[in-house]
Amino acid sequence: MKSKVQFRLRIYRDDSIAIGPGKIALLEAIAETGSISAAARQFNMSYRRAWLLVDEMNKALAKPAVMTAAGGASGGGTVLTPVGEALIQHYRAVESVSRTAAASDIAALTRLLAQ
């Protein structure tokens, strides 16, 4: 059997998740594809659902994480702002530092799993 350790950091603003693993993954996909719809397809998610997540995140932040350009003859597109790039960088850094700091406890916990 193979074990897996996964950190699930979530930062709430009021009752909604402002920053969390799904939103960070969506930001990474948007950065990779340049498109909310293409990013949504990577997660088998509707465009509407992806847009709502981006909108919720943008509204929770002091400055938006994502900027969009309307489609048309010149085509649309989506880019991360410096805030969006910083969100990914800091979120992944917290994961890395946490994993390193907890390594011995994680090892102890996984040794308790049935083989």
PDB file of N, CA and C in Angstrom:
ATOM      1  N   MET A   1       0.834  -1.186   0.000  1.00  0.00           N
ATOM      2  CA  MET A   1       0.000   0.000   0.000  1.00  0.00           C
ATOM      3  C   MET A   1       0.878   1.249   0.000  1.00  0.00           C
ATOM      4  N   LYS A   2       0.396   2.249  -0.681  1.00  0.00           N
ATOM      5  CA  LYS A   2       1.125   3.506  -0.786  1.00  0.00           C
ATOM      6  C   LYS A   2       0.381   4.574   0.018  1.00  0.00           C
ATOM      7  N   SER A   3       1.117   5.343   0.802  1.00  0.00           N
ATOM      8  CA  SER A   3       0.485   6.417   1.565  1.00  0.00           C
ATOM      9  C   SER A   3       0.770   7.757   0.893  1.00  0.00           C
ATOM     10  N   LYS A   4      -0.055   8.726   1.215  1.00  0.00           N
ATOM     11  CA  LYS A   4       0.063  10.064   0.641  1.00  0.00           C
ATOM     12  C   LYS A   4      -0.239  11.078   1.732  1.00  0.00           C
ATOM     13  N   VAL A   5       0.584  12.103   1.827  1.00  0.00           N
ATOM     14  CA  VAL A   5       0.368  13.179   2.790  1.00  0.00           C
ATOM     15  C   VAL A   5       0.010  14.422   2.007  1.00  0.00           C
ATOM     16  N   GLN A   6      -1.052  15.083   2.441  1.00  0.00           N
ATOM     17  CA  GLN A   6      -1.514  16.258   1.719  1.00  0.00           C
ATOM     18  C   GLN A   6      -1.883  17.355   2.713  1.00  0.00           C
ATOM     19  N   PHE A   7      -1.276  18.520   2.542  1.00  0.00           N
ATOM     20  CA  PHE A   7      -1.624  19.672   3.365  1.00  0.00           C
ATOM     21  C   PHE A   7      -2.786  20.397   2.706  1.00  0.00           C
ATOM     22  N   ARG A   8      -3.709  20.888   3.505  1.00  0.00           N
ATOM     23  CA  ARG A   8      -4.906  21.557   2.993  1.00  0.00           C
ATOM     24  C   ARG A   8      -5.088  22.905   3.692  1.00  0.00           C
ATOM     25  N   LEU A   9      -4.179  23.813   3.492  1.00  0.00           N
ATOM     26  CA  LEU A   9      -4.266  25.143   4.081  1.00  0.00           C
ATOM     27  C   LEU A   9      -5.398  25.917   3.431  1.00  0.00           C
ATOM     28  N   ARG A  10      -6.250  26.487   4.256  1.00  0.00           N
ATOM     29  CA  ARG A  10      -7.334  27.342   3.771  1.00  0.00           C
ATOM     30  C   ARG A  10      -7.341  28.624   4.596  1.00  0.00           C
ATOM     31  N   ILE A  11      -7.476  29.737   3.909  1.00  0.00           N
ATOM     32  CA  ILE A  11      -7.592  31.023   4.588  1.00  0.00           C
ATOM     33  C   ILE A  11      -8.985  31.554   4.269  1.00  0.00           C
ATOM     34  N   TYR A  12      -9.745  31.793   5.328  1.00  0.00           N
ATOM     35  CA  TYR A  12     -11.131  32.234   5.176  1.00  0.00           C
ATOM     36  C   TYR A  12     -11.239  33.748   5.302  1.00  0.00           C
ATOM     37  N   ARG A  13     -12.171  34.297   4.577  1.00  0.00           N
ATOM     38  CA  ARG A  13     -12.597  35.683   4.752  1.00  0.00           C
ATOM     39  C   ARG A  13     -14.092  35.579   4.987  1.00  0.00           C
ATOM     40  N   ASP A  14     -14.498  35.945   6.183  1.00  0.00           N
ATOM     41  CA  ASP A  14     -15.864  35.712   6.631  1.00  0.00           C
ATOM     42  C   ASP A  14     -16.142  34.206   6.538  1.00  0.00           C
ATOM     43  N   ASP A  15     -17.167  33.805   5.804  1.00  0.00           N
ATOM     44  CA  ASP A  15     -17.520  32.380   5.734  1.00  0.00           C
ATOM     45  C   ASP A  15     -17.025  31.680   4.475  1.00  0.00           C
ATOM     46  N   SER A  16     -16.331  32.401   3.612  1.00  0.00           N
ATOM     47  CA  SER A  16     -15.885  31.767   2.366  1.00  0.00           C
ATOM     48  C   SER A  16     -14.377  31.585   2.363  1.00  0.00           C
ATOM     49  N   ILE A  17     -13.949  30.592   1.598  1.00  0.00           N
ATOM     50  CA  ILE A  17     -12.522  30.315   1.465  1.00  0.00           C
ATOM     51  C   ILE A  17     -11.950  31.327   0.476  1.00  0.00           C
ATOM     52  N   ALA A  18     -11.092  32.213   0.977  1.00  0.00           N
ATOM     53  CA  ALA A  18     -10.460  33.219   0.117  1.00  0.00           C
ATOM     54  C   ALA A  18      -9.288  32.605  -0.625  1.00  0.00           C
ATOM     55  N   ILE A  19      -8.515  31.779   0.080  1.00  0.00           N
ATOM     56  CA  ILE A  19      -7.335  31.130  -0.492  1.00  0.00           C
ATOM     57  C   ILE A  19      -7.334  29.689  -0.016  1.00  0.00           C
ATOM     58  N   GLY A  20      -7.206  28.774  -0.948  1.00  0.00           N
ATOM     59  CA  GLY A  20      -7.172  27.359  -0.595  1.00  0.00           C
ATOM     60  C   GLY A  20      -6.535  26.561  -1.714  1.00  0.00           C
ATOM     61  N   PRO A  21      -6.391  25.268  -1.509  1.00  0.00           N
ATOM     62  CA  PRO A  21      -5.676  24.442  -2.479  1.00  0.00           C
ATOM     63  C   PRO A  21      -6.316  24.426  -3.862  1.00  0.00           C
ATOM     64  N   GLY A  22      -7.627  24.398  -3.922  1.00  0.00           N
ATOM     65  CA  GLY A  22      -8.298  24.385  -5.214  1.00  0.00           C
ATOM     66  C   GLY A  22      -8.119  25.686  -5.972  1.00  0.00           C
ATOM     67  N   LYS A  23      -8.216  26.785  -5.265  1.00  0.00           N
ATOM     68  CA  LYS A  23      -8.054  28.087  -5.907  1.00  0.00           C
ATOM     69  C   LYS A  23      -6.609  28.300  -6.355  1.00  0.00           C
ATOM     70  N   ILE A  24      -5.655  27.820  -5.580  1.00  0.00           N
ATOM     71  CA  ILE A  24      -4.254  27.935  -5.984  1.00  0.00           C
ATOM     72  C   ILE A  24      -4.003  27.080  -7.227  1.00  0.00           C
ATOM     73  N   ALA A  25      -4.547  25.867  -7.250  1.00  0.00           N
ATOM     74  CA  ALA A  25      -4.395  25.007  -8.429  1.00  0.00           C
ATOM     75  C   ALA A  25      -5.047  25.651  -9.655  1.00  0.00           C
ATOM     76  N   LEU A  26      -6.193  26.296  -9.467  1.00  0.00           N
ATOM     77  CA  LEU A  26      -6.859  26.985 -10.563  1.00  0.00           C
ATOM     78  C   LEU A  26      -6.000  28.147 -11.060  1.00  0.00           C
ATOM     79  N   LEU A  27      -5.406  28.919 -10.151  1.00  0.00           N
ATOM     80  CA  LEU A  27      -4.504  30.002 -10.552  1.00  0.00           C
ATOM     81  C   LEU A  27      -3.330  29.464 -11.363  1.00  0.00           C
ATOM     82  N   GLU A  28      -2.762  28.353 -10.920  1.00  0.00           N
ATOM     83  CA  GLU A  28      -1.636  27.750 -11.655  1.00  0.00           C
ATOM     84  C   GLU A  28      -2.065  27.334 -13.060  1.00  0.00           C
ATOM     85  N   ALA A  29      -3.260  26.779 -13.181  1.00  0.00           N
ATOM     86  CA  ALA A  29      -3.758  26.355 -14.494  1.00  0.00           C
ATOM     87  C   ALA A  29      -4.037  27.567 -15.385  1.00  0.00           C
ATOM     88  N   ILE A  30      -4.554  28.631 -14.808  1.00  0.00           N
ATOM     89  CA  ILE A  30      -4.786  29.859 -15.574  1.00  0.00           C
ATOM     90  C   ILE A  30      -3.456  30.422 -16.069  1.00  0.00           C
ATOM     91  N   ALA A  31      -2.452  30.427 -15.191  1.00  0.00           N
ATOM     92  CA  ALA A  31      -1.127  30.916 -15.594  1.00  0.00           C
ATOM     93  C   ALA A  31      -0.565  30.068 -16.736  1.00  0.00           C
ATOM     94  N   GLU A  32      -0.788  28.777 -16.680  1.00  0.00           N
ATOM     95  CA  GLU A  32      -0.269  27.859 -17.697  1.00  0.00           C
ATOM     96  C   GLU A  32      -1.000  27.997 -19.027  1.00  0.00           C
ATOM     97  N   THR A  33      -2.323  28.156 -18.967  1.00  0.00           N
ATOM     98  CA  THR A  33      -3.130  28.140 -20.190  1.00  0.00           C
ATOM     99  C   THR A  33      -3.474  29.526 -20.722  1.00  0.00           C
ATOM    100  N   GLY A  34      -3.448  30.542 -19.855  1.00  0.00           N
ATOM    101  CA  GLY A  34      -3.855  31.881 -20.274  1.00  0.00           C
ATOM    102  C   GLY A  34      -5.346  32.021 -20.464  1.00  0.00           C
ATOM    103  N   SER A  35      -6.105  31.107 -19.847  1.00  0.00           N
ATOM    104  CA  SER A  35      -7.545  31.079 -20.081  1.00  0.00           C
ATOM    105  C   SER A  35      -8.269  30.447 -18.899  1.00  0.00           C
ATOM    106  N   ILE A  36      -9.350  31.073 -18.474  1.00  0.00           N
ATOM    107  CA  ILE A  36     -10.162  30.475 -17.407  1.00  0.00           C
ATOM    108  C   ILE A  36     -10.850  29.220 -17.936  1.00  0.00           C
ATOM    109  N   SER A  37     -11.367  29.274 -19.157  1.00  0.00           N
ATOM    110  CA  SER A  37     -12.079  28.108 -19.690  1.00  0.00           C
ATOM    111  C   SER A  37     -11.135  26.921 -19.880  1.00  0.00           C
ATOM    112  N   ALA A  38      -9.927  27.160 -20.374  1.00  0.00           N
ATOM    113  CA  ALA A  38      -8.965  26.061 -20.533  1.00  0.00           C
ATOM    114  C   ALA A  38      -8.542  25.514 -19.171  1.00  0.00           C
ATOM    115  N   ALA A  39      -8.370  26.401 -18.204  1.00  0.00           N
ATOM    116  CA  ALA A  39      -8.024  25.950 -16.853  1.00  0.00           C
ATOM    117  C   ALA A  39      -9.159  25.109 -16.277  1.00  0.00           C
ATOM    118  N   ALA A  40     -10.386  25.544 -16.486  1.00  0.00           N
ATOM    119  CA  ALA A  40     -11.548  24.802 -15.988  1.00  0.00           C
ATOM    120  C   ALA A  40     -11.593  23.401 -16.593  1.00  0.00           C
ATOM    121  N   ARG A  41     -11.308  23.309 -17.888  1.00  0.00           N
ATOM    122  CA  ARG A  41     -11.318  21.993 -18.546  1.00  0.00           C
ATOM    123  C   ARG A  41     -10.306  21.041 -17.923  1.00  0.00           C
ATOM    124  N   GLN A  42      -9.171  21.556 -17.471  1.00  0.00           N
ATOM    125  CA  GLN A  42      -8.168  20.692 -16.828  1.00  0.00           C
ATOM    126  C   GLN A  42      -8.727  20.008 -15.581  1.00  0.00           C
ATOM    127  N   PHE A  43      -9.710  20.635 -14.950  1.00  0.00           N
ATOM    128  CA  PHE A  43     -10.291  20.084 -13.720  1.00  0.00           C
ATOM    129  C   PHE A  43     -11.696  19.527 -13.950  1.00  0.00           C
ATOM    130  N   ASN A  44     -12.083  19.366 -15.229  1.00  0.00           N
ATOM    131  CA  ASN A  44     -13.444  18.916 -15.551  1.00  0.00           C
ATOM    132  C   ASN A  44     -14.483  19.763 -14.826  1.00  0.00           C
ATOM    133  N   MET A  45     -14.266  21.061 -14.879  1.00  0.00           N
ATOM    134  CA  MET A  45     -15.104  22.025 -14.176  1.00  0.00           C
ATOM    135  C   MET A  45     -15.753  22.925 -15.231  1.00  0.00           C
ATOM    136  N   SER A  46     -16.950  23.376 -14.960  1.00  0.00           N
ATOM    137  CA  SER A  46     -17.584  24.296 -15.901  1.00  0.00           C
ATOM    138  C   SER A  46     -16.878  25.652 -15.856  1.00  0.00           C
ATOM    139  N   TYR A  47     -16.976  26.380 -16.967  1.00  0.00           N
ATOM    140  CA  TYR A  47     -16.415  27.727 -16.997  1.00  0.00           C
ATOM    141  C   TYR A  47     -17.050  28.567 -15.899  1.00  0.00           C
ATOM    142  N   ARG A  48     -18.364  28.425 -15.735  1.00  0.00           N
ATOM    143  CA  ARG A  48     -19.076  29.226 -14.725  1.00  0.00           C
ATOM    144  C   ARG A  48     -18.511  28.970 -13.326  1.00  0.00           C
ATOM    145  N   ARG A  49     -18.291  27.724 -12.992  1.00  0.00           N
ATOM    146  CA  ARG A  49     -17.746  27.391 -11.666  1.00  0.00           C
ATOM    147  C   ARG A  49     -16.359  27.998 -11.492  1.00  0.00           C
ATOM    148  N   ALA A  50     -15.513  27.874 -12.509  1.00  0.00           N
ATOM    149  CA  ALA A  50     -14.165  28.446 -12.435  1.00  0.00           C
ATOM    150  C   ALA A  50     -14.246  29.967 -12.303  1.00  0.00           C
ATOM    151  N   TRP A  51     -15.122  30.585 -13.087  1.00  0.00           N
ATOM    152  CA  TRP A  51     -15.264  32.040 -13.019  1.00  0.00           C
ATOM    153  C   TRP A  51     -15.736  32.465 -11.624  1.00  0.00           C
ATOM    154  N   LEU A  52     -16.682  31.735 -11.050  1.00  0.00           N
ATOM    155  CA  LEU A  52     -17.168  32.074  -9.709  1.00  0.00           C
ATOM    156  C   LEU A  52     -16.048  31.964  -8.675  1.00  0.00           C
ATOM    157  N   LEU A  53     -15.199  30.954  -8.789  1.00  0.00           N
ATOM    158  CA  LEU A  53     -14.070  30.811  -7.865  1.00  0.00           C
ATOM    159  C   LEU A  53     -13.089  31.972  -8.004  1.00  0.00           C
ATOM    160  N   VAL A  54     -12.790  32.344  -9.244  1.00  0.00           N
ATOM    161  CA  VAL A  54     -11.883  33.471  -9.495  1.00  0.00           C
ATOM    162  C   VAL A  54     -12.503  34.756  -8.963  1.00  0.00           C
ATOM    163  N   ASP A  55     -13.779  34.960  -9.241  1.00  0.00           N
ATOM    164  CA  ASP A  55     -14.461  36.173  -8.790  1.00  0.00           C
ATOM    165  C   ASP A  55     -14.498  36.255  -7.266  1.00  0.00           C
ATOM    166  N   GLU A  56     -14.789  35.134  -6.619  1.00  0.00           N
ATOM    167  CA  GLU A  56     -14.814  35.090  -5.156  1.00  0.00           C
ATOM    168  C   GLU A  56     -13.435  35.436  -4.584  1.00  0.00           C
ATOM    169  N   MET A  57     -12.391  34.883  -5.201  1.00  0.00           N
ATOM    170  CA  MET A  57     -11.030  35.155  -4.746  1.00  0.00           C
ATOM    171  C   MET A  57     -10.680  36.623  -4.973  1.00  0.00           C
ATOM    172  N   ASN A  58     -10.966  37.142  -6.159  1.00  0.00           N
ATOM    173  CA  ASN A  58     -10.660  38.538  -6.459  1.00  0.00           C
ATOM    174  C   ASN A  58     -11.363  39.484  -5.489  1.00  0.00           C
ATOM    175  N   LYS A  59     -12.604  39.187  -5.146  1.00  0.00           N
ATOM    176  CA  LYS A  59     -13.364  40.048  -4.226  1.00  0.00           C
ATOM    177  C   LYS A  59     -12.815  39.990  -2.807  1.00  0.00           C
ATOM    178  N   ALA A  60     -12.200  38.869  -2.438  1.00  0.00           N
ATOM    179  CA  ALA A  60     -11.659  38.716  -1.078  1.00  0.00           C
ATOM    180  C   ALA A  60     -10.314  39.405  -0.909  1.00  0.00           C
ATOM    181  N   LEU A  61      -9.642  39.686  -2.008  1.00  0.00           N
ATOM    182  CA  LEU A  61      -8.293  40.254  -1.968  1.00  0.00           C
ATOM    183  C   LEU A  61      -8.331  41.776  -2.066  1.00  0.00           C
ATOM    184  N   ALA A  62      -7.286  42.423  -1.551  1.00  0.00           N
ATOM    185  CA  ALA A  62      -7.177  43.873  -1.652  1.00  0.00           C
ATOM    186  C   ALA A  62      -7.015  44.297  -3.114  1.00  0.00           C
ATOM    187  N   LYS A  63      -6.311  43.486  -3.894  1.00  0.00           N
ATOM    188  CA  LYS A  63      -6.136  43.702  -5.337  1.00  0.00           C
ATOM    189  C   LYS A  63      -6.379  42.370  -6.014  1.00  0.00           C
ATOM    190  N   PRO A  64      -6.905  42.368  -7.248  1.00  0.00           N
ATOM    191  CA  PRO A  64      -7.254  41.099  -7.905  1.00  0.00           C
ATOM    192  C   PRO A  64      -6.044  40.227  -8.219  1.00  0.00           C
ATOM    193  N   ALA A  65      -6.307  38.928  -8.238  1.00  0.00           N
ATOM    194  CA  ALA A  65      -5.282  37.934  -8.585  1.00  0.00           C
ATOM    195  C   ALA A  65      -5.279  37.629 -10.071  1.00  0.00           C
ATOM    196  N   VAL A  66      -6.417  37.889 -10.717  1.00  0.00           N
ATOM    197  CA  VAL A  66      -6.610  37.530 -12.120  1.00  0.00           C
ATOM    198  C   VAL A  66      -7.216  38.719 -12.854  1.00  0.00           C
ATOM    199  N   MET A  67      -6.680  38.972 -14.051  1.00  0.00           N
ATOM    200  CA  MET A  67      -7.240  39.994 -14.940  1.00  0.00           C
ATOM    201  C   MET A  67      -7.667  39.309 -16.231  1.00  0.00           C
ATOM    202  N   THR A  68      -8.842  39.691 -16.728  1.00  0.00           N
ATOM    203  CA  THR A  68      -9.349  39.095 -17.959  1.00  0.00           C
ATOM    204  C   THR A  68      -9.512  40.166 -19.022  1.00  0.00           C
ATOM    205  N   ALA A  69      -9.389  39.740 -20.260  1.00  0.00           N
ATOM    206  CA  ALA A  69      -9.672  40.593 -21.415  1.00  0.00           C
ATOM    207  C   ALA A  69     -10.792  39.926 -22.191  1.00  0.00           C
ATOM    208  N   ALA A  70     -11.775  40.697 -22.583  1.00  0.00           N
ATOM    209  CA  ALA A  70     -12.920  40.151 -23.307  1.00  0.00           C
ATOM    210  C   ALA A  70     -12.472  39.545 -24.626  1.00  0.00           C
ATOM    211  N   GLY A  71     -13.220  38.553 -25.067  1.00  0.00           N
ATOM    212  CA  GLY A  71     -12.926  37.912 -26.342  1.00  0.00           C
ATOM    213  C   GLY A  71     -13.309  38.809 -27.509  1.00  0.00           C
ATOM    214  N   GLY A  72     -13.397  38.240 -28.657  1.00  0.00           N
ATOM    215  CA  GLY A  72     -13.729  39.012 -29.848  1.00  0.00           C
ATOM    216  C   GLY A  72     -12.729  38.722 -30.942  1.00  0.00           C
ATOM    217  N   ALA A  73     -12.614  39.654 -31.888  1.00  0.00           N
ATOM    218  CA  ALA A  73     -11.738  39.457 -33.038  1.00  0.00           C
ATOM    219  C   ALA A  73     -10.284  39.235 -32.624  1.00  0.00           C
ATOM    220  N   SER A  74      -9.842  39.971 -31.632  1.00  0.00           N
ATOM    221  CA  SER A  74      -8.453  39.825 -31.176  1.00  0.00           C
ATOM    222  C   SER A  74      -8.296  38.719 -30.143  1.00  0.00           C
ATOM    223  N   GLY A  75      -9.391  38.074 -29.781  1.00  0.00           N
ATOM    224  CA  GLY A  75      -9.337  37.002 -28.793  1.00  0.00           C
ATOM    225  C   GLY A  75      -9.276  37.559 -27.389  1.00  0.00           C
ATOM    226  N   GLY A  76      -9.672  36.781 -26.454  1.00  0.00           N
ATOM    227  CA  GLY A  76      -9.626  37.198 -25.067  1.00  0.00           C
ATOM    228  C   GLY A  76      -8.373  36.662 -24.421  1.00  0.00           C
ATOM    229  N   GLY A  77      -8.423  36.585 -23.146  1.00  0.00           N
ATOM    230  CA  GLY A  77      -7.292  36.021 -22.436  1.00  0.00           C
ATOM    231  C   GLY A  77      -7.368  36.360 -20.973  1.00  0.00           C
ATOM    232  N   THR A  78      -6.605  35.648 -20.218  1.00  0.00           N
ATOM    233  CA  THR A  78      -6.575  35.828 -18.776  1.00  0.00           C
ATOM    234  C   THR A  78      -5.136  35.754 -18.319  1.00  0.00           C
ATOM    235  N   VAL A  79      -4.751  36.659 -17.450  1.00  0.00           N
ATOM    236  CA  VAL A  79      -3.400  36.652 -16.893  1.00  0.00           C
ATOM    237  C   VAL A  79      -3.472  36.809 -15.382  1.00  0.00           C
ATOM    238  N   LEU A  80      -2.466  36.277 -14.729  1.00  0.00           N
ATOM    239  CA  LEU A  80      -2.341  36.517 -13.299  1.00  0.00           C
ATOM    240  C   LEU A  80      -1.703  37.878 -13.098  1.00  0.00           C
ATOM    241  N   THR A  81      -2.153  38.560 -12.084  1.00  0.00           N
ATOM    242  CA  THR A  81      -1.536  39.812 -11.685  1.00  0.00           C
ATOM    243  C   THR A  81      -0.344  39.471 -10.784  1.00  0.00           C
ATOM    244  N   PRO A  82       0.455  40.455 -10.415  1.00  0.00           N
ATOM    245  CA  PRO A  82       1.509  40.183  -9.424  1.00  0.00           C
ATOM    246  C   PRO A  82       0.950  39.589  -8.126  1.00  0.00           C
ATOM    247  N   VAL A  83      -0.266  39.980  -7.753  1.00  0.00           N
ATOM    248  CA  VAL A  83      -0.894  39.411  -6.549  1.00  0.00           C
ATOM    249  C   VAL A  83      -1.166  37.925  -6.750  1.00  0.00           C
ATOM    250  N   GLY A  84      -1.671  37.545  -7.917  1.00  0.00           N
ATOM    251  CA  GLY A  84      -1.926  36.136  -8.208  1.00  0.00           C
ATOM    252  C   GLY A  84      -0.650  35.312  -8.181  1.00  0.00           C
ATOM    253  N   GLU A  85       0.404  35.864  -8.765  1.00  0.00           N
ATOM    254  CA  GLU A  85       1.700  35.174  -8.743  1.00  0.00           C
ATOM    255  C   GLU A  85       2.226  35.042  -7.321  1.00  0.00           C
ATOM    256  N   ALA A  86       2.054  36.092  -6.513  1.00  0.00           N
ATOM    257  CA  ALA A  86       2.508  36.051  -5.119  1.00  0.00           C
ATOM    258  C   ALA A  86       1.704  35.035  -4.309  1.00  0.00           C
ATOM    259  N   LEU A  87       0.403  34.931  -4.575  1.00  0.00           N
ATOM    260  CA  LEU A  87      -0.426  33.942  -3.878  1.00  0.00           C
ATOM    261  C   LEU A  87       0.130  32.540  -4.074  1.00  0.00           C
ATOM    262  N   ILE A  88       0.413  32.200  -5.320  1.00  0.00           N
ATOM    263  CA  ILE A  88       0.947  30.864  -5.610  1.00  0.00           C
ATOM    264  C   ILE A  88       2.285  30.668  -4.901  1.00  0.00           C
ATOM    265  N   GLN A  89       3.175  31.633  -5.038  1.00  0.00           N
ATOM    266  CA  GLN A  89       4.513  31.513  -4.449  1.00  0.00           C
ATOM    267  C   GLN A  89       4.440  31.322  -2.936  1.00  0.00           C
ATOM    268  N   HIS A  90       3.660  32.159  -2.265  1.00  0.00           N
ATOM    269  CA  HIS A  90       3.586  32.074  -0.803  1.00  0.00           C
ATOM    270  C   HIS A  90       2.853  30.815  -0.338  1.00  0.00           C
ATOM    271  N   TYR A  91       1.804  30.437  -1.044  1.00  0.00           N
ATOM    272  CA  TYR A  91       1.055  29.236  -0.668  1.00  0.00           C
ATOM    273  C   TYR A  91       1.945  28.003  -0.772  1.00  0.00           C
ATOM    274  N   ARG A  92       2.664  27.880  -1.891  1.00  0.00           N
ATOM    275  CA  ARG A  92       3.542  26.723  -2.077  1.00  0.00           C
ATOM    276  C   ARG A  92       4.707  26.753  -1.087  1.00  0.00           C
ATOM    277  N   ALA A  93       5.178  27.940  -0.720  1.00  0.00           N
ATOM    278  CA  ALA A  93       6.252  28.050   0.282  1.00  0.00           C
ATOM    279  C   ALA A  93       5.763  27.571   1.640  1.00  0.00           C
ATOM    280  N   VAL A  94       4.543  27.935   2.018  1.00  0.00           N
ATOM    281  CA  VAL A  94       3.981  27.474   3.293  1.00  0.00           C
ATOM    282  C   VAL A  94       3.878  25.954   3.291  1.00  0.00           C
ATOM    283  N   GLU A  95       3.419  25.385   2.186  1.00  0.00           N
ATOM    284  CA  GLU A  95       3.344  23.921   2.093  1.00  0.00           C
ATOM    285  C   GLU A  95       4.717  23.289   2.284  1.00  0.00           C
ATOM    286  N   SER A  96       5.710  23.829   1.617  1.00  0.00           N
ATOM    287  CA  SER A  96       7.056  23.268   1.678  1.00  0.00           C
ATOM    288  C   SER A  96       7.649  23.370   3.079  1.00  0.00           C
ATOM    289  N   VAL A  97       7.542  24.534   3.675  1.00  0.00           N
ATOM    290  CA  VAL A  97       8.079  24.739   5.022  1.00  0.00           C
ATOM    291  C   VAL A  97       7.349  23.839   6.024  1.00  0.00           C
ATOM    292  N   SER A  98       6.030  23.743   5.872  1.00  0.00           N
ATOM    293  CA  SER A  98       5.243  22.902   6.781  1.00  0.00           C
ATOM    294  C   SER A  98       5.636  21.440   6.660  1.00  0.00           C
ATOM    295  N   ARG A  99       5.799  20.988   5.434  1.00  0.00           N
ATOM    296  CA  ARG A  99       6.180  19.584   5.192  1.00  0.00           C
ATOM    297  C   ARG A  99       7.544  19.294   5.816  1.00  0.00           C
ATOM    298  N   THR A 100       8.479  20.214   5.652  1.00  0.00           N
ATOM    299  CA  THR A 100       9.819  20.031   6.211  1.00  0.00           C
ATOM    300  C   THR A 100       9.774  20.047   7.733  1.00  0.00           C
ATOM    301  N   ALA A 101       9.051  21.021   8.293  1.00  0.00           N
ATOM    302  CA  ALA A 101       8.981  21.144   9.751  1.00  0.00           C
ATOM    303  C   ALA A 101       8.302  19.941  10.399  1.00  0.00           C
ATOM    304  N   ALA A 102       7.359  19.342   9.695  1.00  0.00           N
ATOM    305  CA  ALA A 102       6.596  18.231  10.260  1.00  0.00           C
ATOM    306  C   ALA A 102       7.094  16.858   9.799  1.00  0.00           C
ATOM    307  N   ALA A 103       8.213  16.816   9.120  1.00  0.00           N
ATOM    308  CA  ALA A 103       8.686  15.569   8.504  1.00  0.00           C
ATOM    309  C   ALA A 103       8.771  14.407   9.485  1.00  0.00           C
ATOM    310  N   SER A 104       9.328  14.638  10.668  1.00  0.00           N
ATOM    311  CA  SER A 104       9.475  13.510  11.603  1.00  0.00           C
ATOM    312  C   SER A 104       8.119  13.045  12.123  1.00  0.00           C
ATOM    313  N   ASP A 105       7.204  13.961  12.364  1.00  0.00           N
ATOM    314  CA  ASP A 105       5.864  13.568  12.815  1.00  0.00           C
ATOM    315  C   ASP A 105       5.086  12.887  11.690  1.00  0.00           C
ATOM    316  N   ILE A 106       5.258  13.355  10.478  1.00  0.00           N
ATOM    317  CA  ILE A 106       4.614  12.711   9.338  1.00  0.00           C
ATOM    318  C   ILE A 106       5.131  11.285   9.189  1.00  0.00           C
ATOM    319  N   ALA A 107       6.433  11.109   9.313  1.00  0.00           N
ATOM    320  CA  ALA A 107       7.023   9.765   9.231  1.00  0.00           C
ATOM    321  C   ALA A 107       6.472   8.869  10.338  1.00  0.00           C
ATOM    322  N   ALA A 108       6.358   9.406  11.541  1.00  0.00           N
ATOM    323  CA  ALA A 108       5.819   8.630  12.657  1.00  0.00           C
ATOM    324  C   ALA A 108       4.366   8.241  12.401  1.00  0.00           C
ATOM    325  N   LEU A 109       3.592   9.155  11.879  1.00  0.00           N
ATOM    326  CA  LEU A 109       2.190   8.857  11.591  1.00  0.00           C
ATOM    327  C   LEU A 109       2.065   7.796  10.499  1.00  0.00           C
ATOM    328  N   THR A 110       2.850   7.921   9.449  1.00  0.00           N
ATOM    329  CA  THR A 110       2.738   6.953   8.350  1.00  0.00           C
ATOM    330  C   THR A 110       3.227   5.569   8.757  1.00  0.00           C
ATOM    331  N   ARG A 111       4.161   5.500   9.727  1.00  0.00           N
ATOM    332  CA  ARG A 111       4.591   4.192  10.235  1.00  0.00           C
ATOM    333  C   ARG A 111       3.462   3.484  10.989  1.00  0.00           C
ATOM    334  N   LEU A 112       2.481   4.239  11.446  1.00  0.00           N
ATOM    335  CA  LEU A 112       1.347   3.647  12.161  1.00  0.00           C
ATOM    336  C   LEU A 112       0.295   3.058  11.224  1.00  0.00           C
ATOM    337  N   LEU A 113       0.429   3.317   9.940  1.00  0.00           N
ATOM    338  CA  LEU A 113      -0.528   2.789   8.966  1.00  0.00           C
ATOM    339  C   LEU A 113      -0.297   1.286   8.765  1.00  0.00           C
ATOM    340  N   ALA A 114      -1.394   0.594   8.449  1.00  0.00           N
ATOM    341  CA  ALA A 114      -1.278  -0.838   8.142  1.00  0.00           C
ATOM    342  C   ALA A 114      -0.492  -1.001   6.847  1.00  0.00           C
ATOM    343  N   GLN A 115       0.337  -2.032   6.818  1.00  0.00           N
ATOM    344  CA  GLN A 115       1.122  -2.299   5.606  1.00  0.00           C
ATOM    345  C   GLN A 115       0.373  -3.120   4.668  1.00  0.00           C
TER     346      GLN A 115
END
